[in-house]
Protein backbone atom coordinates (compact mmCIF):
# COMPACT_ATOMS: atom_id res chain seq x y z
CA MET A 1 0.11 0.12 -0.10
CA PRO A 2 1.53 3.33 -1.07
CA LEU A 3 1.81 6.13 1.06
CA ASN A 4 0.34 9.55 0.62
CA ARG A 5 1.67 12.78 -0.12
CA ILE A 6 1.40 13.47 3.94
CA GLU A 7 2.70 10.42 5.04
CA ARG A 8 5.89 10.72 3.01
CA ILE A 9 6.53 14.49 4.36
CA LEU A 10 6.10 13.17 7.64
CA ARG A 11 8.32 10.51 7.41
CA ASN A 12 10.98 12.58 5.69
CA MET A 13 10.65 15.26 8.49
CA ILE A 14 11.25 12.19 10.79
CA ALA A 15 14.97 10.92 9.39
CA SER A 16 15.73 14.16 9.48
CA ALA A 17 14.82 15.26 13.01
CA ALA A 18 16.24 11.99 14.23
CA GLY A 19 19.37 11.85 11.69
CA LEU A 20 20.36 15.57 12.46
CA SER A 21 19.86 14.66 16.37
CA ILE A 22 22.15 11.40 16.00
CA LEU A 23 25.10 13.26 14.01
CA ALA A 24 24.69 16.29 16.55
CA ILE A 25 25.45 13.46 19.48
CA LEU A 26 28.08 12.00 17.75
CA ALA A 27 29.74 15.33 16.77
CA THR A 28 29.59 16.16 20.94
CA ILE A 29 31.28 12.64 21.66
CA VAL A 30 33.94 13.36 19.27
CA ALA A 31 34.19 17.09 20.22
CA ASN A 32 34.49 15.83 24.30
CA LEU A 33 37.04 13.05 23.02
CA THR A 34 39.18 16.11 21.57
CA GLY A 35 39.17 18.59 24.52
CA VAL A 36 36.73 21.08 22.86
CA ASN A 37 34.51 22.96 25.16
CA THR A 38 30.89 22.17 24.56
CA ARG A 39 29.26 24.88 26.77
CA GLU A 40 29.43 28.28 24.84
CA GLY A 41 29.08 29.34 21.19
CA LEU A 42 28.12 27.34 18.62
CA TRP A 43 28.91 23.86 20.35
CA LEU A 44 26.23 24.91 22.96
CA THR A 45 23.52 24.53 20.40
CA ILE A 46 24.92 21.24 18.92
CA THR A 47 24.77 19.75 22.17
CA VAL A 48 21.19 20.83 23.02
CA LEU A 49 19.70 19.93 19.43
CA PRO A 50 19.42 16.43 20.30
CA PHE A 51 17.25 16.73 23.23
CA ILE A 52 14.59 18.83 20.49
CA GLY A 53 15.05 17.21 17.34
CA LEU A 54 14.33 13.60 19.34
CA THR A 55 11.50 14.89 20.97
CA ILE A 56 10.42 15.86 17.97
CA ALA A 57 10.99 12.97 15.95
CA PHE A 58 9.21 10.78 18.26
CA LEU A 59 5.69 13.32 18.37
CA LEU A 60 5.76 13.25 14.85
CA MET A 61 6.20 9.73 14.81
CA ILE A 62 3.06 9.90 17.03
CA VAL A 63 1.63 11.49 14.36
CA PHE A 64 2.30 9.43 11.39
CA ALA A 65 0.88 6.27 13.45
CA ILE A 66 -2.24 8.16 13.47
CA ILE A 67 -2.52 9.27 10.27
CA SER A 68 -1.45 5.59 9.10
CA ILE A 69 -4.11 3.87 10.98
CA VAL A 70 -6.81 6.72 10.18
CA ARG A 71 -5.96 6.40 6.65
CA ARG A 72 -6.53 1.95 6.43
CA ARG A 73 -9.16 2.23 8.68
CA ARG A 74 -11.08 4.35 6.06
CA LEU A 75 -9.95 1.69 3.09
CA ALA A 76 -10.93 -1.04 4.91
CA ARG A 77 -14.20 0.60 5.47
CA ASP A 78 -14.35 1.70 1.82
CA SER A 79 -13.38 -1.44 0.60
CA SER A 80 -16.34 -3.35 2.21
């Protein structure tokens, strides 16, 4: 069953938010291992980004699940 446009957009938004958050986590780990001060400047933003990005990705996953369930119920109702 192909995804509709909203589901494709949500899927890409989830992947982008989660992917960017994972990259920020990895960058923070590497920065801490190399001795960079991650408590100021741009590094502070990179350090905080996973908290926001992963929360947004989780909320978008809930929205995606609800939209998918509603669409499948409509398809099942219309086909019967």
